[in-house]
Amino acid sequence: MAHTKILLREDIDDLGARGEIVRVRAGYARNYLLPRKLAVEATTSNVKAIEQERSALLKREAKERSSAEGQAEQLGKLVLTFKRKAGEQGALYGSVTSMDVTEALQEKGYEIDRHRLHLREPIKRLGDYQVPLRLHRSVSIDLQVKVVPEGEVIVGHMTPEQEAEVAAQTEGDTDEDESTASTE
């Protein structure tokens, strides 16, 4: 098999970090890495250019890591709740996928690539889950995901308006129960 040496311009899982020279199959480099500008050929001129860019890369790496740590702190407090139709045994009709989690994060104002979520398989049962999220090469968190049946009221996850509405409904129910009990 033909192999070639390339210089990575971005971090690539299971291959290497930005700025490293790695040996890969020629087809992988030619068809995937080079067209997407994830790597360049490891010629002497490219290696020298990357060496000059290394200080800028280190600064950018530190900035990305600090922003990822800040984002991890915010996301660590977040609980994503999904309401899905479920059967009697807790099995979902459908599932919660990494795309669903990504869309929920976008609604909350976080721009996260769905490939950074490491959800091995879609969630197919009700319950609480920890979904690994890799924000940076060295910053990972477990995102809290809760799957509840559709139509169920979730205590602690309602807006103040919803809480007032539920309280008003329960008060109205007790008044009706008392009035029917006194007329009988």
C-alpha atoms as a PDB file:
ATOM      1  CA  MET A   1       0.000   0.000   0.000  1.00  0.00           C
ATOM      2  CA  ALA A   2       1.229   3.480  -0.834  1.00  0.00           C
ATOM      3  CA  HIS A   3       1.727   5.796   2.121  1.00  0.00           C
ATOM      4  CA  THR A   4       2.516   9.486   2.259  1.00  0.00           C
ATOM      5  CA  LYS A   5       3.635  11.915   4.942  1.00  0.00           C
ATOM      6  CA  ILE A   6       1.367  14.836   5.658  1.00  0.00           C
ATOM      7  CA  LEU A   7       1.396  17.786   8.024  1.00  0.00           C
ATOM      8  CA  LEU A   8      -1.830  18.177  10.006  1.00  0.00           C
ATOM      9  CA  ARG A   9      -3.422  21.629  10.069  1.00  0.00           C
ATOM     10  CA  GLU A  10      -6.219  20.596  12.462  1.00  0.00           C
ATOM     11  CA  ASP A  11      -6.636  18.084  15.292  1.00  0.00           C
ATOM     12  CA  ILE A  12      -7.973  14.802  13.953  1.00  0.00           C
ATOM     13  CA  ASP A  13      -9.195  12.088  16.313  1.00  0.00           C
ATOM     14  CA  ASP A  14      -7.183   8.867  16.197  1.00  0.00           C
ATOM     15  CA  LEU A  15      -4.612  10.451  13.874  1.00  0.00           C
ATOM     16  CA  GLY A  16      -2.803  13.336  15.522  1.00  0.00           C
ATOM     17  CA  ALA A  17      -2.714  16.915  16.705  1.00  0.00           C
ATOM     18  CA  ARG A  18      -2.347  20.098  14.724  1.00  0.00           C
ATOM     19  CA  GLY A  19       1.239  20.657  13.545  1.00  0.00           C
ATOM     20  CA  GLU A  20       2.276  16.966  13.642  1.00  0.00           C
ATOM     21  CA  ILE A  21       3.721  15.082  10.711  1.00  0.00           C
ATOM     22  CA  VAL A  22       1.955  11.742  10.296  1.00  0.00           C
ATOM     23  CA  ARG A  23       2.124   8.898   7.813  1.00  0.00           C
ATOM     24  CA  VAL A  24      -1.213   7.928   6.224  1.00  0.00           C
ATOM     25  CA  ARG A  25      -2.390   6.057   3.181  1.00  0.00           C
ATOM     26  CA  ALA A  26      -2.155   8.084  -0.001  1.00  0.00           C
ATOM     27  CA  GLY A  27      -5.851   7.719  -0.827  1.00  0.00           C
ATOM     28  CA  TYR A  28      -6.942   8.978   2.604  1.00  0.00           C
ATOM     29  CA  ALA A  29      -4.713  12.018   2.221  1.00  0.00           C
ATOM     30  CA  ARG A  30      -5.651  12.687  -1.407  1.00  0.00           C
ATOM     31  CA  ASN A  31      -9.415  12.119  -1.070  1.00  0.00           C
ATOM     32  CA  TYR A  32     -10.211  13.325   2.442  1.00  0.00           C
ATOM     33  CA  LEU A  33      -7.531  15.293   4.305  1.00  0.00           C
ATOM     34  CA  LEU A  34      -6.129  17.498   1.536  1.00  0.00           C
ATOM     35  CA  PRO A  35      -9.449  18.598  -0.093  1.00  0.00           C
ATOM     36  CA  ARG A  36     -10.881  19.560   3.311  1.00  0.00           C
ATOM     37  CA  LYS A  37      -7.687  21.487   4.137  1.00  0.00           C
ATOM     38  CA  LEU A  38      -7.182  19.396   7.277  1.00  0.00           C
ATOM     39  CA  ALA A  39      -3.605  18.683   6.188  1.00  0.00           C
ATOM     40  CA  VAL A  40      -0.925  19.654   3.679  1.00  0.00           C
ATOM     41  CA  GLU A  41       1.852  17.622   2.119  1.00  0.00           C
ATOM     42  CA  ALA A  42       4.902  17.418   4.369  1.00  0.00           C
ATOM     43  CA  THR A  43       7.359  19.172   2.065  1.00  0.00           C
ATOM     44  CA  THR A  44      10.314  21.050   3.527  1.00  0.00           C
ATOM     45  CA  SER A  45       8.757  24.414   2.653  1.00  0.00           C
ATOM     46  CA  ASN A  46       5.426  23.487   4.305  1.00  0.00           C
ATOM     47  CA  VAL A  47       7.225  22.238   7.418  1.00  0.00           C
ATOM     48  CA  LYS A  48       9.178  25.520   7.652  1.00  0.00           C
ATOM     49  CA  ALA A  49       5.971  27.538   7.202  1.00  0.00           C
ATOM     50  CA  ILE A  50       4.234  25.575   9.955  1.00  0.00           C
ATOM     51  CA  GLU A  51       7.246  26.026  12.256  1.00  0.00           C
ATOM     52  CA  GLN A  52       6.883  29.785  11.794  1.00  0.00           C
ATOM     53  CA  GLU A  53       3.145  29.556  12.479  1.00  0.00           C
ATOM     54  CA  ARG A  54       3.686  27.389  15.578  1.00  0.00           C
ATOM     55  CA  SER A  55       3.745  30.325  18.026  1.00  0.00           C
ATOM     56  CA  ALA A  56       0.506  31.647  16.564  1.00  0.00           C
ATOM     57  CA  LEU A  57      -0.900  28.110  16.756  1.00  0.00           C
ATOM     58  CA  LEU A  58       0.067  27.842  20.429  1.00  0.00           C
ATOM     59  CA  LYS A  59      -1.665  31.140  21.210  1.00  0.00           C
ATOM     60  CA  ARG A  60      -4.759  30.076  19.308  1.00  0.00           C
ATOM     61  CA  GLU A  61      -4.690  26.695  21.060  1.00  0.00           C
ATOM     62  CA  ALA A  62      -4.573  28.383  24.490  1.00  0.00           C
ATOM     63  CA  LYS A  63      -7.435  30.706  23.533  1.00  0.00           C
ATOM     64  CA  GLU A  64      -9.570  27.806  22.235  1.00  0.00           C
ATOM     65  CA  ARG A  65      -8.887  25.793  25.371  1.00  0.00           C
ATOM     66  CA  SER A  66      -9.851  28.644  27.708  1.00  0.00           C
ATOM     67  CA  SER A  67     -13.065  29.300  25.783  1.00  0.00           C
ATOM     68  CA  ALA A  68     -13.832  25.557  25.831  1.00  0.00           C
ATOM     69  CA  GLU A  69     -13.272  25.461  29.606  1.00  0.00           C
ATOM     70  CA  GLY A  70     -15.657  28.408  30.071  1.00  0.00           C
ATOM     71  CA  GLN A  71     -18.231  26.768  27.854  1.00  0.00           C
ATOM     72  CA  ALA A  72     -17.781  23.481  29.749  1.00  0.00           C
ATOM     73  CA  GLU A  73     -18.510  25.268  33.016  1.00  0.00           C
ATOM     74  CA  GLN A  74     -21.761  26.668  31.606  1.00  0.00           C
ATOM     75  CA  LEU A  75     -22.805  23.375  29.992  1.00  0.00           C
ATOM     76  CA  GLY A  76     -22.058  21.441  33.172  1.00  0.00           C
ATOM     77  CA  LYS A  77     -25.014  23.154  34.873  1.00  0.00           C
ATOM     78  CA  LEU A  78     -27.367  22.567  31.937  1.00  0.00           C
ATOM     79  CA  VAL A  79     -29.975  19.784  31.898  1.00  0.00           C
ATOM     80  CA  LEU A  80     -31.582  19.063  28.535  1.00  0.00           C
ATOM     81  CA  THR A  81     -35.095  17.620  28.830  1.00  0.00           C
ATOM     82  CA  PHE A  82     -36.767  15.800  25.977  1.00  0.00           C
ATOM     83  CA  LYS A  83     -40.455  14.856  25.958  1.00  0.00           C
ATOM     84  CA  ARG A  84     -41.181  11.774  23.888  1.00  0.00           C
ATOM     85  CA  LYS A  85     -44.049   9.339  23.464  1.00  0.00           C
ATOM     86  CA  ALA A  86     -43.292   6.145  25.346  1.00  0.00           C
ATOM     87  CA  GLY A  87     -44.806   2.729  25.930  1.00  0.00           C
ATOM     88  CA  GLU A  88     -45.755   1.260  29.289  1.00  0.00           C
ATOM     89  CA  GLN A  89     -42.308  -0.268  29.841  1.00  0.00           C
ATOM     90  CA  GLY A  90     -40.527   3.058  29.212  1.00  0.00           C
ATOM     91  CA  ALA A  91     -39.474   2.284  25.629  1.00  0.00           C
ATOM     92  CA  LEU A  92     -39.652   5.332  23.367  1.00  0.00           C
ATOM     93  CA  TYR A  93     -41.584   5.487  20.101  1.00  0.00           C
ATOM     94  CA  GLY A  94     -38.610   6.872  18.226  1.00  0.00           C
ATOM     95  CA  SER A  95     -35.410   7.928  19.943  1.00  0.00           C
ATOM     96  CA  VAL A  96     -33.256  10.848  21.049  1.00  0.00           C
ATOM     97  CA  THR A  97     -30.251  11.192  18.735  1.00  0.00           C
ATOM     98  CA  SER A  98     -27.130  13.337  18.736  1.00  0.00           C
ATOM     99  CA  MET A  99     -28.896  15.588  16.216  1.00  0.00           C
ATOM    100  CA  ASP A 100     -31.745  16.168  18.706  1.00  0.00           C
ATOM    101  CA  VAL A 101     -29.249  17.039  21.441  1.00  0.00           C
ATOM    102  CA  THR A 102     -27.393  19.412  19.100  1.00  0.00           C
ATOM    103  CA  GLU A 103     -30.651  21.164  18.127  1.00  0.00           C
ATOM    104  CA  ALA A 104     -31.616  21.551  21.799  1.00  0.00           C
ATOM    105  CA  LEU A 105     -28.198  23.089  22.513  1.00  0.00           C
ATOM    106  CA  GLN A 106     -28.644  25.494  19.585  1.00  0.00           C
ATOM    107  CA  GLU A 107     -32.019  26.583  20.993  1.00  0.00           C
ATOM    108  CA  LYS A 108     -30.211  27.404  24.244  1.00  0.00           C
ATOM    109  CA  GLY A 109     -27.596  29.438  22.334  1.00  0.00           C
ATOM    110  CA  TYR A 110     -24.695  26.957  22.122  1.00  0.00           C
ATOM    111  CA  GLU A 111     -23.170  26.212  18.731  1.00  0.00           C
ATOM    112  CA  ILE A 112     -21.859  22.671  19.088  1.00  0.00           C
ATOM    113  CA  ASP A 113     -20.970  20.378  16.187  1.00  0.00           C
ATOM    114  CA  ARG A 114     -22.909  17.118  16.529  1.00  0.00           C
ATOM    115  CA  HIS A 115     -19.724  15.142  15.890  1.00  0.00           C
ATOM    116  CA  ARG A 116     -18.384  16.385  19.222  1.00  0.00           C
ATOM    117  CA  LEU A 117     -21.158  14.471  20.986  1.00  0.00           C
ATOM    118  CA  HIS A 118     -20.099  10.900  21.647  1.00  0.00           C
ATOM    119  CA  LEU A 119     -23.500   9.257  21.896  1.00  0.00           C
ATOM    120  CA  ARG A 120     -22.731   5.611  21.077  1.00  0.00           C
ATOM    121  CA  GLU A 121     -26.313   4.829  20.080  1.00  0.00           C
ATOM    122  CA  PRO A 122     -29.586   6.767  20.168  1.00  0.00           C
ATOM    123  CA  ILE A 123     -31.412   6.942  23.505  1.00  0.00           C
ATOM    124  CA  LYS A 124     -34.420   4.610  23.308  1.00  0.00           C
ATOM    125  CA  ARG A 125     -35.717   4.549  26.905  1.00  0.00           C
ATOM    126  CA  LEU A 126     -37.018   7.038  29.448  1.00  0.00           C
ATOM    127  CA  GLY A 127     -34.582   8.168  32.121  1.00  0.00           C
ATOM    128  CA  ASP A 128     -31.559  10.300  32.941  1.00  0.00           C
ATOM    129  CA  TYR A 129     -28.429  10.005  30.824  1.00  0.00           C
ATOM    130  CA  GLN A 130     -24.896  11.401  30.707  1.00  0.00           C
ATOM    131  CA  VAL A 131     -23.821  12.198  27.135  1.00  0.00           C
ATOM    132  CA  PRO A 132     -20.067  12.754  26.682  1.00  0.00           C
ATOM    133  CA  LEU A 133     -19.279  16.024  24.911  1.00  0.00           C
ATOM    134  CA  ARG A 134     -15.757  16.817  23.726  1.00  0.00           C
ATOM    135  CA  LEU A 135     -15.360  20.574  23.449  1.00  0.00           C
ATOM    136  CA  HIS A 136     -11.603  20.533  22.934  1.00  0.00           C
ATOM    137  CA  ARG A 137      -8.858  17.938  22.711  1.00  0.00           C
ATOM    138  CA  SER A 138      -8.303  18.251  26.473  1.00  0.00           C
ATOM    139  CA  VAL A 139     -11.742  19.471  27.625  1.00  0.00           C
ATOM    140  CA  SER A 140     -14.620  16.992  27.884  1.00  0.00           C
ATOM    141  CA  ILE A 141     -17.795  17.016  29.971  1.00  0.00           C
ATOM    142  CA  ASP A 142     -20.809  14.814  30.541  1.00  0.00           C
ATOM    143  CA  LEU A 143     -23.947  16.596  29.378  1.00  0.00           C
ATOM    144  CA  GLN A 144     -27.049  15.788  31.427  1.00  0.00           C
ATOM    145  CA  VAL A 145     -29.966  14.584  29.314  1.00  0.00           C
ATOM    146  CA  LYS A 146     -33.368  13.704  30.740  1.00  0.00           C
ATOM    147  CA  VAL A 147     -35.995  11.855  28.687  1.00  0.00           C
ATOM    148  CA  VAL A 148     -39.534  12.051  30.086  1.00  0.00           C
ATOM    149  CA  PRO A 149     -42.890  10.862  28.754  1.00  0.00           C
ATOM    150  CA  GLU A 150     -44.881  13.345  26.705  1.00  0.00           C
ATOM    151  CA  GLY A 151     -47.588  15.162  28.676  1.00  0.00           C
ATOM    152  CA  GLU A 152     -45.946  14.701  32.078  1.00  0.00           C
ATOM    153  CA  VAL A 153     -45.399  17.820  34.208  1.00  0.00           C
ATOM    154  CA  ILE A 154     -41.762  18.121  35.208  1.00  0.00           C
ATOM    155  CA  VAL A 155     -41.237  19.703  38.607  1.00  0.00           C
ATOM    156  CA  GLY A 156     -38.436  22.238  38.599  1.00  0.00           C
ATOM    157  CA  HIS A 157     -38.385  22.563  34.807  1.00  0.00           C
ATOM    158  CA  MET A 158     -41.403  24.807  34.335  1.00  0.00           C
ATOM    159  CA  THR A 159     -41.554  28.494  33.656  1.00  0.00           C
ATOM    160  CA  PRO A 160     -43.137  30.634  36.386  1.00  0.00           C
ATOM    161  CA  GLU A 161     -46.240  31.053  34.196  1.00  0.00           C
ATOM    162  CA  GLN A 162     -46.591  27.268  33.857  1.00  0.00           C
ATOM    163  CA  GLU A 163     -46.147  26.795  37.627  1.00  0.00           C
ATOM    164  CA  ALA A 164     -48.883  29.388  38.322  1.00  0.00           C
ATOM    165  CA  GLU A 165     -51.201  27.692  35.818  1.00  0.00           C
ATOM    166  CA  VAL A 166     -50.662  24.258  37.397  1.00  0.00           C
ATOM    167  CA  ALA A 167     -51.202  25.713  40.882  1.00  0.00           C
ATOM    168  CA  ALA A 168     -54.440  27.371  39.721  1.00  0.00           C
ATOM    169  CA  GLN A 169     -55.654  24.109  38.199  1.00  0.00           C
ATOM    170  CA  THR A 170     -54.937  22.101  41.339  1.00  0.00           C
ATOM    171  CA  GLU A 171     -56.677  24.719  43.519  1.00  0.00           C
ATOM    172  CA  GLY A 172     -59.693  24.647  41.179  1.00  0.00           C
ATOM    173  CA  ASP A 173     -59.775  20.840  41.378  1.00  0.00           C
ATOM    174  CA  THR A 174     -59.854  20.846  45.203  1.00  0.00           C
ATOM    175  CA  ASP A 175     -62.635  23.478  45.268  1.00  0.00           C
ATOM    176  CA  GLU A 176     -64.740  21.359  42.887  1.00  0.00           C
ATOM    177  CA  ASP A 177     -64.140  18.229  44.974  1.00  0.00           C
ATOM    178  CA  GLU A 178     -65.278  20.029  48.143  1.00  0.00           C
ATOM    179  CA  SER A 179     -68.379  21.498  46.456  1.00  0.00           C
ATOM    180  CA  THR A 180     -69.464  18.120  45.031  1.00  0.00           C
ATOM    181  CA  ALA A 181     -68.838  16.463  48.376  1.00  0.00           C
ATOM    182  CA  SER A 182     -71.015  19.012  50.234  1.00  0.00           C
ATOM    183  CA  THR A 183     -73.940  18.716  47.763  1.00  0.00           C
ATOM    184  CA  GLU A 184     -74.060  14.929  48.066  1.00  0.00           C
END
